[in-house]
Amino acid sequence: MTGNASLRTSDRAWLVARARHWQRPLVAVLFAVPLATVQAQNAARARVVPAHVVHVFHSLMTTTAQLHDEGWGTVHMASALNTDPSAR
């Protein structure tokens, strides 16, 4: 499973199955970051990801309703209020 596995429904289903198997709580955190913010952060990286890849991955983001439908018991929505890394 790769680092972007949580973007694919089939991979999340595997995670749900594993959590249920081990009787662990199903908790998801959904980061609501606008595409423009992601693109700006990507442009500032030392190793820039191709723009089309960023766009495709961002388009795969799910919703809280979809995560609940998949079996996630708790879904936390985290927004990017402060995306300036120097402010941390």
C-alpha atoms as a PDB file:
ATOM      1  CA  MET A   1       0.000   0.000   0.000  1.00  0.00           C
ATOM      2  CA  THR A   2       1.381   3.394  -0.940  1.00  0.00           C
ATOM      3  CA  GLY A   3       1.247   6.703   0.891  1.00  0.00           C
ATOM      4  CA  ASN A   4      -1.837   7.786  -1.054  1.00  0.00           C
ATOM      5  CA  ALA A   5      -3.776   4.619  -0.205  1.00  0.00           C
ATOM      6  CA  SER A   6      -6.412   6.480   1.768  1.00  0.00           C
ATOM      7  CA  LEU A   7      -7.535   8.146  -1.460  1.00  0.00           C
ATOM      8  CA  ARG A   8      -8.876   4.898  -2.926  1.00  0.00           C
ATOM      9  CA  THR A   9     -12.143   3.369  -1.745  1.00  0.00           C
ATOM     10  CA  SER A  10     -10.806  -0.165  -2.126  1.00  0.00           C
ATOM     11  CA  ASP A  11      -7.783   0.572   0.065  1.00  0.00           C
ATOM     12  CA  ARG A  12      -9.932   2.249   2.711  1.00  0.00           C
ATOM     13  CA  ALA A  13     -12.133  -0.868   2.703  1.00  0.00           C
ATOM     14  CA  TRP A  14      -9.028  -2.905   3.558  1.00  0.00           C
ATOM     15  CA  LEU A  15      -8.268  -0.515   6.432  1.00  0.00           C
ATOM     16  CA  VAL A  16     -11.862  -0.832   7.716  1.00  0.00           C
ATOM     17  CA  ALA A  17     -11.628  -4.625   7.547  1.00  0.00           C
ATOM     18  CA  ARG A  18      -8.322  -4.666   9.452  1.00  0.00           C
ATOM     19  CA  ALA A  19      -9.677  -2.353  12.164  1.00  0.00           C
ATOM     20  CA  ARG A  20     -12.768  -4.522  12.552  1.00  0.00           C
ATOM     21  CA  HIS A  21     -10.651  -7.688  12.633  1.00  0.00           C
ATOM     22  CA  TRP A  22      -8.558  -6.290  15.475  1.00  0.00           C
ATOM     23  CA  GLN A  23     -11.614  -4.677  17.103  1.00  0.00           C
ATOM     24  CA  ARG A  24     -10.149  -1.196  16.880  1.00  0.00           C
ATOM     25  CA  PRO A  25     -12.165   2.021  16.562  1.00  0.00           C
ATOM     26  CA  LEU A  26     -12.658   3.354  13.061  1.00  0.00           C
ATOM     27  CA  VAL A  27     -11.544   6.982  13.094  1.00  0.00           C
ATOM     28  CA  ALA A  28     -10.753   9.029   9.986  1.00  0.00           C
ATOM     29  CA  VAL A  29      -9.346  12.536   9.671  1.00  0.00           C
ATOM     30  CA  LEU A  30     -10.307  14.376   6.501  1.00  0.00           C
ATOM     31  CA  PHE A  31      -8.136  17.358   5.625  1.00  0.00           C
ATOM     32  CA  ALA A  32     -10.143  19.998   3.773  1.00  0.00           C
ATOM     33  CA  VAL A  33      -7.434  21.867   1.889  1.00  0.00           C
ATOM     34  CA  PRO A  34      -8.398  23.865  -1.205  1.00  0.00           C
ATOM     35  CA  LEU A  35      -6.675  22.855  -4.437  1.00  0.00           C
ATOM     36  CA  ALA A  36      -5.105  26.314  -4.777  1.00  0.00           C
ATOM     37  CA  THR A  37      -3.458  25.924  -1.359  1.00  0.00           C
ATOM     38  CA  VAL A  38      -2.132  22.482  -2.235  1.00  0.00           C
ATOM     39  CA  GLN A  39      -0.773  23.795  -5.540  1.00  0.00           C
ATOM     40  CA  ALA A  40       0.947  26.733  -3.829  1.00  0.00           C
ATOM     41  CA  GLN A  41       2.519  24.475  -1.198  1.00  0.00           C
ATOM     42  CA  ASN A  42       3.647  22.072  -3.896  1.00  0.00           C
ATOM     43  CA  ALA A  43       5.271  24.881  -5.884  1.00  0.00           C
ATOM     44  CA  ALA A  44       7.329  25.839  -2.812  1.00  0.00           C
ATOM     45  CA  ARG A  45       8.687  22.302  -2.298  1.00  0.00           C
ATOM     46  CA  ALA A  46      12.241  21.289  -3.140  1.00  0.00           C
ATOM     47  CA  ARG A  47      10.843  18.302  -5.086  1.00  0.00           C
ATOM     48  CA  VAL A  48       7.758  19.554  -6.906  1.00  0.00           C
ATOM     49  CA  VAL A  49       5.104  16.975  -7.755  1.00  0.00           C
ATOM     50  CA  PRO A  50       3.796  17.363 -11.331  1.00  0.00           C
ATOM     51  CA  ALA A  51       0.693  19.590 -11.387  1.00  0.00           C
ATOM     52  CA  HIS A  52      -1.481  16.959 -13.069  1.00  0.00           C
ATOM     53  CA  VAL A  53      -0.672  14.466 -10.282  1.00  0.00           C
ATOM     54  CA  VAL A  54      -1.620  16.981  -7.595  1.00  0.00           C
ATOM     55  CA  HIS A  55      -4.891  17.674  -9.405  1.00  0.00           C
ATOM     56  CA  VAL A  56      -5.737  13.975  -9.779  1.00  0.00           C
ATOM     57  CA  PHE A  57      -4.993  13.202  -6.119  1.00  0.00           C
ATOM     58  CA  HIS A  58      -6.987  16.223  -4.949  1.00  0.00           C
ATOM     59  CA  SER A  59      -9.953  15.135  -7.097  1.00  0.00           C
ATOM     60  CA  LEU A  60      -9.920  11.747  -5.335  1.00  0.00           C
ATOM     61  CA  MET A  61     -10.612  13.304  -1.931  1.00  0.00           C
ATOM     62  CA  THR A  62     -13.685  11.829  -0.321  1.00  0.00           C
ATOM     63  CA  THR A  63     -16.393  13.434   1.804  1.00  0.00           C
ATOM     64  CA  THR A  64     -17.382  12.837   5.416  1.00  0.00           C
ATOM     65  CA  ALA A  65     -20.650  11.266   4.211  1.00  0.00           C
ATOM     66  CA  GLN A  66     -18.762   8.815   1.985  1.00  0.00           C
ATOM     67  CA  LEU A  67     -16.454   7.847   4.844  1.00  0.00           C
ATOM     68  CA  HIS A  68     -19.424   7.210   7.140  1.00  0.00           C
ATOM     69  CA  ASP A  69     -21.048   5.124   4.382  1.00  0.00           C
ATOM     70  CA  GLU A  70     -17.850   3.059   4.152  1.00  0.00           C
ATOM     71  CA  GLY A  71     -18.077   2.208   7.850  1.00  0.00           C
ATOM     72  CA  TRP A  72     -15.863   4.808   9.500  1.00  0.00           C
ATOM     73  CA  GLY A  73     -17.466   5.419  12.886  1.00  0.00           C
ATOM     74  CA  THR A  74     -15.878   8.785  13.588  1.00  0.00           C
ATOM     75  CA  VAL A  75     -14.791  11.299  10.967  1.00  0.00           C
ATOM     76  CA  HIS A  76     -12.961  14.459  11.982  1.00  0.00           C
ATOM     77  CA  MET A  77     -12.787  17.332   9.502  1.00  0.00           C
ATOM     78  CA  ALA A  78      -9.558  19.319   9.708  1.00  0.00           C
ATOM     79  CA  SER A  79      -9.323  22.538   7.748  1.00  0.00           C
ATOM     80  CA  ALA A  80      -6.182  24.343   6.668  1.00  0.00           C
ATOM     81  CA  LEU A  81      -6.680  27.641   8.473  1.00  0.00           C
ATOM     82  CA  ASN A  82      -2.966  28.347   8.735  1.00  0.00           C
ATOM     83  CA  THR A  83      -0.978  26.774   5.924  1.00  0.00           C
ATOM     84  CA  ASP A  84       2.156  28.916   6.350  1.00  0.00           C
ATOM     85  CA  PRO A  85       4.850  26.491   7.593  1.00  0.00           C
ATOM     86  CA  SER A  86       6.937  29.382   8.979  1.00  0.00           C
ATOM     87  CA  ALA A  87       4.107  30.251  11.382  1.00  0.00           C
ATOM     88  CA  ARG A  88       4.491  26.934  13.233  1.00  0.00           C
END
